[in-house]
Amino acid sequence: KVEEHRAHLESAGLLEERRRKNLAGEVFAAATSRAKSHLQAAVAENPELRRLLDEVQERRLDPLSAVREILEQVYGIDDNPN
């Protein structure tokens, strides 16, 4: 049964598609981990970014506003929908 299923996946091109998705997932998982580490270090080293995090923790700033500002300052990403 297992071999039949594998043969079906291979003949339909589904096995290769699944492998490609898995490899892409690995790339994005590694990139996400590195980006998170980079952001955490950037916030730890920058008093202005730490202030943003403090304001979120004190409920004086909403998290998405802090994210926008941090991404803009660290990566130059401006995701403002306007």
PDB file of N, CA and C in Angstrom:
ATOM      1  N   LYS A   1       0.821  -1.200   0.000  1.00  0.00           N
ATOM      2  CA  LYS A   1       0.000   0.000   0.000  1.00  0.00           C
ATOM      3  C   LYS A   1       0.866   1.265   0.000  1.00  0.00           C
ATOM      4  N   VAL A   2       1.894   1.229   0.811  1.00  0.00           N
ATOM      5  CA  VAL A   2       2.781   2.391   0.904  1.00  0.00           C
ATOM      6  C   VAL A   2       3.448   2.638  -0.441  1.00  0.00           C
ATOM      7  N   GLU A   3       3.942   1.592  -1.046  1.00  0.00           N
ATOM      8  CA  GLU A   3       4.595   1.727  -2.348  1.00  0.00           C
ATOM      9  C   GLU A   3       3.611   2.191  -3.418  1.00  0.00           C
ATOM     10  N   GLU A   4       2.383   1.717  -3.360  1.00  0.00           N
ATOM     11  CA  GLU A   4       1.364   2.162  -4.320  1.00  0.00           C
ATOM     12  C   GLU A   4       1.097   3.652  -4.155  1.00  0.00           C
ATOM     13  N   HIS A   5       0.990   4.062  -2.917  1.00  0.00           N
ATOM     14  CA  HIS A   5       0.737   5.485  -2.649  1.00  0.00           C
ATOM     15  C   HIS A   5       1.910   6.332  -3.147  1.00  0.00           C
ATOM     16  N   ARG A   6       3.114   5.864  -2.868  1.00  0.00           N
ATOM     17  CA  ARG A   6       4.306   6.598  -3.323  1.00  0.00           C
ATOM     18  C   ARG A   6       4.339   6.679  -4.852  1.00  0.00           C
ATOM     19  N   ALA A   7       4.036   5.572  -5.511  1.00  0.00           N
ATOM     20  CA  ALA A   7       4.018   5.559  -6.977  1.00  0.00           C
ATOM     21  C   ALA A   7       2.984   6.549  -7.506  1.00  0.00           C
ATOM     22  N   HIS A   8       1.839   6.602  -6.858  1.00  0.00           N
ATOM     23  CA  HIS A   8       0.803   7.561  -7.267  1.00  0.00           C
ATOM     24  C   HIS A   8       1.309   8.997  -7.100  1.00  0.00           C
ATOM     25  N   LEU A   9       1.906   9.283  -5.945  1.00  0.00           N
ATOM     26  CA  LEU A   9       2.432  10.630  -5.703  1.00  0.00           C
ATOM     27  C   LEU A   9       3.492  11.004  -6.731  1.00  0.00           C
ATOM     28  N   GLU A  10       4.365  10.068  -7.043  1.00  0.00           N
ATOM     29  CA  GLU A  10       5.424  10.336  -8.021  1.00  0.00           C
ATOM     30  C   GLU A  10       4.849  10.557  -9.417  1.00  0.00           C
ATOM     31  N   SER A  11       3.911   9.709  -9.807  1.00  0.00           N
ATOM     32  CA  SER A  11       3.366   9.828 -11.166  1.00  0.00           C
ATOM     33  C   SER A  11       2.564  11.111 -11.349  1.00  0.00           C
ATOM     34  N   ALA A  12       1.952  11.578 -10.286  1.00  0.00           N
ATOM     35  CA  ALA A  12       1.159  12.808 -10.374  1.00  0.00           C
ATOM     36  C   ALA A  12       2.005  14.054 -10.117  1.00  0.00           C
ATOM     37  N   GLY A  13       3.295  13.854  -9.822  1.00  0.00           N
ATOM     38  CA  GLY A  13       4.165  14.992  -9.539  1.00  0.00           C
ATOM     39  C   GLY A  13       3.966  15.565  -8.149  1.00  0.00           C
ATOM     40  N   LEU A  14       3.170  14.905  -7.338  1.00  0.00           N
ATOM     41  CA  LEU A  14       2.864  15.416  -6.009  1.00  0.00           C
ATOM     42  C   LEU A  14       4.015  15.249  -5.033  1.00  0.00           C
ATOM     43  N   LEU A  15       4.799  14.194  -5.207  1.00  0.00           N
ATOM     44  CA  LEU A  15       5.930  13.968  -4.312  1.00  0.00           C
ATOM     45  C   LEU A  15       6.954  15.093  -4.462  1.00  0.00           C
ATOM     46  N   GLU A  16       7.271  15.441  -5.697  1.00  0.00           N
ATOM     47  CA  GLU A  16       8.223  16.531  -5.929  1.00  0.00           C
ATOM     48  C   GLU A  16       7.667  17.850  -5.402  1.00  0.00           C
ATOM     49  N   GLU A  17       6.386  18.080  -5.604  1.00  0.00           N
ATOM     50  CA  GLU A  17       5.756  19.306  -5.098  1.00  0.00           C
ATOM     51  C   GLU A  17       5.842  19.371  -3.573  1.00  0.00           C
ATOM     52  N   ARG A  18       5.578  18.258  -2.919  1.00  0.00           N
ATOM     53  CA  ARG A  18       5.652  18.205  -1.456  1.00  0.00           C
ATOM     54  C   ARG A  18       7.078  18.464  -0.981  1.00  0.00           C
ATOM     55  N   ARG A  19       8.061  17.875  -1.665  1.00  0.00           N
ATOM     56  CA  ARG A  19       9.463  18.092  -1.295  1.00  0.00           C
ATOM     57  C   ARG A  19       9.848  19.560  -1.461  1.00  0.00           C
ATOM     58  N   ARG A  20       9.401  20.161  -2.551  1.00  0.00           N
ATOM     59  CA  ARG A  20       9.711  21.573  -2.790  1.00  0.00           C
ATOM     60  C   ARG A  20       9.105  22.458  -1.705  1.00  0.00           C
ATOM     61  N   LYS A  21       7.858  22.171  -1.317  1.00  0.00           N
ATOM     62  CA  LYS A  21       7.208  22.940  -0.246  1.00  0.00           C
ATOM     63  C   LYS A  21       7.939  22.761   1.072  1.00  0.00           C
ATOM     64  N   ASN A  22       8.362  21.526   1.352  1.00  0.00           N
ATOM     65  CA  ASN A  22       9.096  21.273   2.593  1.00  0.00           C
ATOM     66  C   ASN A  22      10.423  22.024   2.624  1.00  0.00           C
ATOM     67  N   LEU A  23      11.134  22.023   1.505  1.00  0.00           N
ATOM     68  CA  LEU A  23      12.409  22.743   1.449  1.00  0.00           C
ATOM     69  C   LEU A  23      12.196  24.249   1.583  1.00  0.00           C
ATOM     70  N   ALA A  24      11.174  24.770   0.932  1.00  0.00           N
ATOM     71  CA  ALA A  24      10.865  26.193   1.076  1.00  0.00           C
ATOM     72  C   ALA A  24      10.521  26.499   2.525  1.00  0.00           C
ATOM     73  N   GLY A  25       9.776  25.614   3.169  1.00  0.00           N
ATOM     74  CA  GLY A  25       9.446  25.795   4.585  1.00  0.00           C
ATOM     75  C   GLY A  25      10.689  25.849   5.452  1.00  0.00           C
ATOM     76  N   GLU A  26      11.670  24.999   5.152  1.00  0.00           N
ATOM     77  CA  GLU A  26      12.932  25.020   5.897  1.00  0.00           C
ATOM     78  C   GLU A  26      13.657  26.348   5.714  1.00  0.00           C
ATOM     79  N   VAL A  27      13.683  26.852   4.489  1.00  0.00           N
ATOM     80  CA  VAL A  27      14.341  28.129   4.217  1.00  0.00           C
ATOM     81  C   VAL A  27      13.668  29.246   5.015  1.00  0.00           C
ATOM     82  N   PHE A  28      12.342  29.295   4.954  1.00  0.00           N
ATOM     83  CA  PHE A  28      11.628  30.350   5.671  1.00  0.00           C
ATOM     84  C   PHE A  28      11.738  30.199   7.183  1.00  0.00           C
ATOM     85  N   ALA A  29      11.776  28.982   7.685  1.00  0.00           N
ATOM     86  CA  ALA A  29      11.944  28.774   9.125  1.00  0.00           C
ATOM     87  C   ALA A  29      13.310  29.285   9.586  1.00  0.00           C
ATOM     88  N   ALA A  30      14.355  28.978   8.825  1.00  0.00           N
ATOM     89  CA  ALA A  30      15.698  29.447   9.173  1.00  0.00           C
ATOM     90  C   ALA A  30      15.776  30.970   9.067  1.00  0.00           C
ATOM     91  N   ALA A  31      15.194  31.532   8.020  1.00  0.00           N
ATOM     92  CA  ALA A  31      15.213  32.994   7.846  1.00  0.00           C
ATOM     93  C   ALA A  31      14.442  33.677   8.969  1.00  0.00           C
ATOM     94  N   THR A  32      13.313  33.105   9.349  1.00  0.00           N
ATOM     95  CA  THR A  32      12.502  33.669  10.427  1.00  0.00           C
ATOM     96  C   THR A  32      13.275  33.665  11.743  1.00  0.00           C
ATOM     97  N   SER A  33      13.952  32.572  12.016  1.00  0.00           N
ATOM     98  CA  SER A  33      14.735  32.468  13.245  1.00  0.00           C
ATOM     99  C   SER A  33      15.851  33.511  13.283  1.00  0.00           C
ATOM    100  N   ARG A  34      16.545  33.654  12.165  1.00  0.00           N
ATOM    101  CA  ARG A  34      17.638  34.640  12.113  1.00  0.00           C
ATOM    102  C   ARG A  34      17.109  36.068  12.193  1.00  0.00           C
ATOM    103  N   ALA A  35      15.989  36.330  11.528  1.00  0.00           N
ATOM    104  CA  ALA A  35      15.409  37.672  11.583  1.00  0.00           C
ATOM    105  C   ALA A  35      14.965  38.008  13.001  1.00  0.00           C
ATOM    106  N   LYS A  36      14.374  37.038  13.679  1.00  0.00           N
ATOM    107  CA  LYS A  36      13.944  37.265  15.066  1.00  0.00           C
ATOM    108  C   LYS A  36      15.142  37.590  15.952  1.00  0.00           C
ATOM    109  N   SER A  37      16.218  36.809  15.815  1.00  0.00           N
ATOM    110  CA  SER A  37      17.429  37.067  16.603  1.00  0.00           C
ATOM    111  C   SER A  37      17.992  38.456  16.304  1.00  0.00           C
ATOM    112  N   HIS A  38      17.988  38.811  15.023  1.00  0.00           N
ATOM    113  CA  HIS A  38      18.496  40.126  14.624  1.00  0.00           C
ATOM    114  C   HIS A  38      17.636  41.242  15.226  1.00  0.00           C
ATOM    115  N   LEU A  39      16.325  41.092  15.163  1.00  0.00           N
ATOM    116  CA  LEU A  39      15.428  42.109  15.731  1.00  0.00           C
ATOM    117  C   LEU A  39      15.603  42.226  17.235  1.00  0.00           C
ATOM    118  N   GLN A  40      15.710  41.092  17.920  1.00  0.00           N
ATOM    119  CA  GLN A  40      15.888  41.133  19.365  1.00  0.00           C
ATOM    120  C   GLN A  40      17.190  41.842  19.730  1.00  0.00           C
ATOM    121  N   ALA A  41      18.241  41.564  18.996  1.00  0.00           N
ATOM    122  CA  ALA A  41      19.521  42.231  19.257  1.00  0.00           C
ATOM    123  C   ALA A  41      19.428  43.714  18.948  1.00  0.00           C
ATOM    124  N   ALA A  42      18.765  44.072  17.853  1.00  0.00           N
ATOM    125  CA  ALA A  42      18.617  45.485  17.490  1.00  0.00           C
ATOM    126  C   ALA A  42      17.852  46.240  18.559  1.00  0.00           C
ATOM    127  N   VAL A  43      16.796  45.637  19.068  1.00  0.00           N
ATOM    128  CA  VAL A  43      16.004  46.290  20.123  1.00  0.00           C
ATOM    129  C   VAL A  43      16.833  46.419  21.400  1.00  0.00           C
ATOM    130  N   ALA A  44      17.581  45.376  21.736  1.00  0.00           N
ATOM    131  CA  ALA A  44      18.392  45.406  22.958  1.00  0.00           C
ATOM    132  C   ALA A  44      19.480  46.475  22.895  1.00  0.00           C
ATOM    133  N   GLU A  45      19.996  46.734  21.690  1.00  0.00           N
ATOM    134  CA  GLU A  45      21.112  47.674  21.529  1.00  0.00           C
ATOM    135  C   GLU A  45      20.677  49.114  21.299  1.00  0.00           C
ATOM    136  N   ASN A  46      19.400  49.336  21.019  1.00  0.00           N
ATOM    137  CA  ASN A  46      18.940  50.662  20.622  1.00  0.00           C
ATOM    138  C   ASN A  46      17.933  51.198  21.645  1.00  0.00           C
ATOM    139  N   PRO A  47      18.296  52.253  22.362  1.00  0.00           N
ATOM    140  CA  PRO A  47      17.392  52.786  23.391  1.00  0.00           C
ATOM    141  C   PRO A  47      16.027  53.211  22.846  1.00  0.00           C
ATOM    142  N   GLU A  48      15.987  53.749  21.635  1.00  0.00           N
ATOM    143  CA  GLU A  48      14.708  54.177  21.060  1.00  0.00           C
ATOM    144  C   GLU A  48      13.795  52.976  20.790  1.00  0.00           C
ATOM    145  N   LEU A  49      14.374  51.892  20.297  1.00  0.00           N
ATOM    146  CA  LEU A  49      13.582  50.688  20.052  1.00  0.00           C
ATOM    147  C   LEU A  49      13.159  50.034  21.366  1.00  0.00           C
ATOM    148  N   ARG A  50      14.038  50.062  22.358  1.00  0.00           N
ATOM    149  CA  ARG A  50      13.649  49.542  23.680  1.00  0.00           C
ATOM    150  C   ARG A  50      12.501  50.348  24.254  1.00  0.00           C
ATOM    151  N   ARG A  51      12.521  51.670  24.018  1.00  0.00           N
ATOM    152  CA  ARG A  51      11.437  52.524  24.500  1.00  0.00           C
ATOM    153  C   ARG A  51      10.108  52.096  23.891  1.00  0.00           C
ATOM    154  N   LEU A  52      10.122  51.776  22.596  1.00  0.00           N
ATOM    155  CA  LEU A  52       8.890  51.308  21.945  1.00  0.00           C
ATOM    156  C   LEU A  52       8.371  50.040  22.620  1.00  0.00           C
ATOM    157  N   LEU A  53       9.271  49.107  22.879  1.00  0.00           N
ATOM    158  CA  LEU A  53       8.873  47.870  23.536  1.00  0.00           C
ATOM    159  C   LEU A  53       8.342  48.144  24.942  1.00  0.00           C
ATOM    160  N   ASP A  54       9.006  49.038  25.655  1.00  0.00           N
ATOM    161  CA  ASP A  54       8.527  49.420  26.992  1.00  0.00           C
ATOM    162  C   ASP A  54       7.126  50.005  26.924  1.00  0.00           C
ATOM    163  N   GLU A  55       6.885  50.855  25.925  1.00  0.00           N
ATOM    164  CA  GLU A  55       5.566  51.467  25.792  1.00  0.00           C
ATOM    165  C   GLU A  55       4.484  50.425  25.511  1.00  0.00           C
ATOM    166  N   VAL A  56       4.819  49.423  24.743  1.00  0.00           N
ATOM    167  CA  VAL A  56       3.854  48.335  24.494  1.00  0.00           C
ATOM    168  C   VAL A  56       3.593  47.588  25.795  1.00  0.00           C
ATOM    169  N   GLN A  57       4.641  47.277  26.526  1.00  0.00           N
ATOM    170  CA  GLN A  57       4.501  46.526  27.768  1.00  0.00           C
ATOM    171  C   GLN A  57       3.726  47.319  28.816  1.00  0.00           C
ATOM    172  N   GLU A  58       3.810  48.643  28.751  1.00  0.00           N
ATOM    173  CA  GLU A  58       3.063  49.504  29.675  1.00  0.00           C
ATOM    174  C   GLU A  58       1.694  49.882  29.128  1.00  0.00           C
ATOM    175  N   ARG A  59       1.346  49.307  27.981  1.00  0.00           N
ATOM    176  CA  ARG A  59       0.044  49.525  27.335  1.00  0.00           C
ATOM    177  C   ARG A  59      -0.187  50.986  26.922  1.00  0.00           C
ATOM    178  N   ARG A  60       0.914  51.676  26.601  1.00  0.00           N
ATOM    179  CA  ARG A  60       0.798  53.049  26.102  1.00  0.00           C
ATOM    180  C   ARG A  60       0.907  53.097  24.585  1.00  0.00           C
ATOM    181  N   LEU A  61       1.287  51.969  23.966  1.00  0.00           N
ATOM    182  CA  LEU A  61       1.431  51.883  22.526  1.00  0.00           C
ATOM    183  C   LEU A  61       0.926  50.515  22.097  1.00  0.00           C
ATOM    184  N   ASP A  62       0.202  50.477  20.990  1.00  0.00           N
ATOM    185  CA  ASP A  62      -0.285  49.184  20.526  1.00  0.00           C
ATOM    186  C   ASP A  62       0.847  48.416  19.819  1.00  0.00           C
ATOM    187  N   PRO A  63       0.806  47.090  19.914  1.00  0.00           N
ATOM    188  CA  PRO A  63       1.892  46.277  19.358  1.00  0.00           C
ATOM    189  C   PRO A  63       2.139  46.500  17.868  1.00  0.00           C
ATOM    190  N   LEU A  64       1.091  46.650  17.068  1.00  0.00           N
ATOM    191  CA  LEU A  64       1.300  46.813  15.628  1.00  0.00           C
ATOM    192  C   LEU A  64       2.004  48.120  15.290  1.00  0.00           C
ATOM    193  N   SER A  65       1.729  49.161  16.037  1.00  0.00           N
ATOM    194  CA  SER A  65       2.446  50.424  15.812  1.00  0.00           C
ATOM    195  C   SER A  65       3.927  50.254  16.129  1.00  0.00           C
ATOM    196  N   ALA A  66       4.217  49.527  17.197  1.00  0.00           N
ATOM    197  CA  ALA A  66       5.615  49.266  17.551  1.00  0.00           C
ATOM    198  C   ALA A  66       6.287  48.429  16.463  1.00  0.00           C
ATOM    199  N   VAL A  67       5.599  47.424  15.960  1.00  0.00           N
ATOM    200  CA  VAL A  67       6.146  46.583  14.896  1.00  0.00           C
ATOM    201  C   VAL A  67       6.479  47.432  13.675  1.00  0.00           C
ATOM    202  N   ARG A  68       5.545  48.278  13.277  1.00  0.00           N
ATOM    203  CA  ARG A  68       5.794  49.141  12.104  1.00  0.00           C
ATOM    204  C   ARG A  68       7.051  49.978  12.290  1.00  0.00           C
ATOM    205  N   GLU A  69       7.171  50.588  13.463  1.00  0.00           N
ATOM    206  CA  GLU A  69       8.313  51.463  13.721  1.00  0.00           C
ATOM    207  C   GLU A  69       9.617  50.662  13.776  1.00  0.00           C
ATOM    208  N   ILE A  70       9.595  49.529  14.440  1.00  0.00           N
ATOM    209  CA  ILE A  70      10.803  48.707  14.548  1.00  0.00           C
ATOM    210  C   ILE A  70      11.236  48.207  13.172  1.00  0.00           C
ATOM    211  N   LEU A  71      10.287  47.701  12.370  1.00  0.00           N
ATOM    212  CA  LEU A  71      10.642  47.211  11.034  1.00  0.00           C
ATOM    213  C   LEU A  71      11.175  48.329  10.147  1.00  0.00           C
ATOM    214  N   GLU A  72      10.601  49.504  10.294  1.00  0.00           N
ATOM    215  CA  GLU A  72      11.088  50.630   9.494  1.00  0.00           C
ATOM    216  C   GLU A  72      12.512  51.001   9.896  1.00  0.00           C
ATOM    217  N   GLN A  73      12.768  51.057  11.206  1.00  0.00           N
ATOM    218  CA  GLN A  73      14.097  51.471  11.675  1.00  0.00           C
ATOM    219  C   GLN A  73      15.162  50.397  11.438  1.00  0.00           C
ATOM    220  N   VAL A  74      14.807  49.129  11.630  1.00  0.00           N
ATOM    221  CA  VAL A  74      15.808  48.068  11.519  1.00  0.00           C
ATOM    222  C   VAL A  74      16.021  47.636  10.065  1.00  0.00           C
ATOM    223  N   TYR A  75      14.917  47.490   9.316  1.00  0.00           N
ATOM    224  CA  TYR A  75      15.016  46.957   7.963  1.00  0.00           C
ATOM    225  C   TYR A  75      14.644  47.955   6.870  1.00  0.00           C
ATOM    226  N   GLY A  76      14.195  49.140   7.245  1.00  0.00           N
ATOM    227  CA  GLY A  76      13.758  50.102   6.231  1.00  0.00           C
ATOM    228  C   GLY A  76      12.442  49.718   5.585  1.00  0.00           C
ATOM    229  N   ILE A  77      11.665  48.884   6.263  1.00  0.00           N
ATOM    230  CA  ILE A  77      10.374  48.429   5.734  1.00  0.00           C
ATOM    231  C   ILE A  77       9.287  49.375   6.200  1.00  0.00           C
ATOM    232  N   ASP A  78       8.606  49.984   5.257  1.00  0.00           N
ATOM    233  CA  ASP A  78       7.482  50.858   5.586  1.00  0.00           C
ATOM    234  C   ASP A  78       6.221  50.159   5.107  1.00  0.00           C
ATOM    235  N   ASP A  79       5.506  49.536   6.022  1.00  0.00           N
ATOM    236  CA  ASP A  79       4.292  48.803   5.641  1.00  0.00           C
ATOM    237  C   ASP A  79       3.028  49.617   5.902  1.00  0.00           C
ATOM    238  N   ASN A  80       3.180  50.922   5.984  1.00  0.00           N
ATOM    239  CA  ASN A  80       2.029  51.787   6.190  1.00  0.00           C
ATOM    240  C   ASN A  80       1.103  51.659   4.986  1.00  0.00           C
ATOM    241  N   PRO A  81      -0.145  51.269   5.208  1.00  0.00           N
ATOM    242  CA  PRO A  81      -1.065  51.038   4.080  1.00  0.00           C
ATOM    243  C   PRO A  81      -1.461  52.299   3.326  1.00  0.00           C
ATOM    244  N   ASN A  82      -1.130  53.451   3.836  1.00  0.00           N
ATOM    245  CA  ASN A  82      -1.507  54.719   3.164  1.00  0.00           C
ATOM    246  C   ASN A  82      -0.535  55.079   2.070  1.00  0.00           C
TER     247      ASN A  82
END
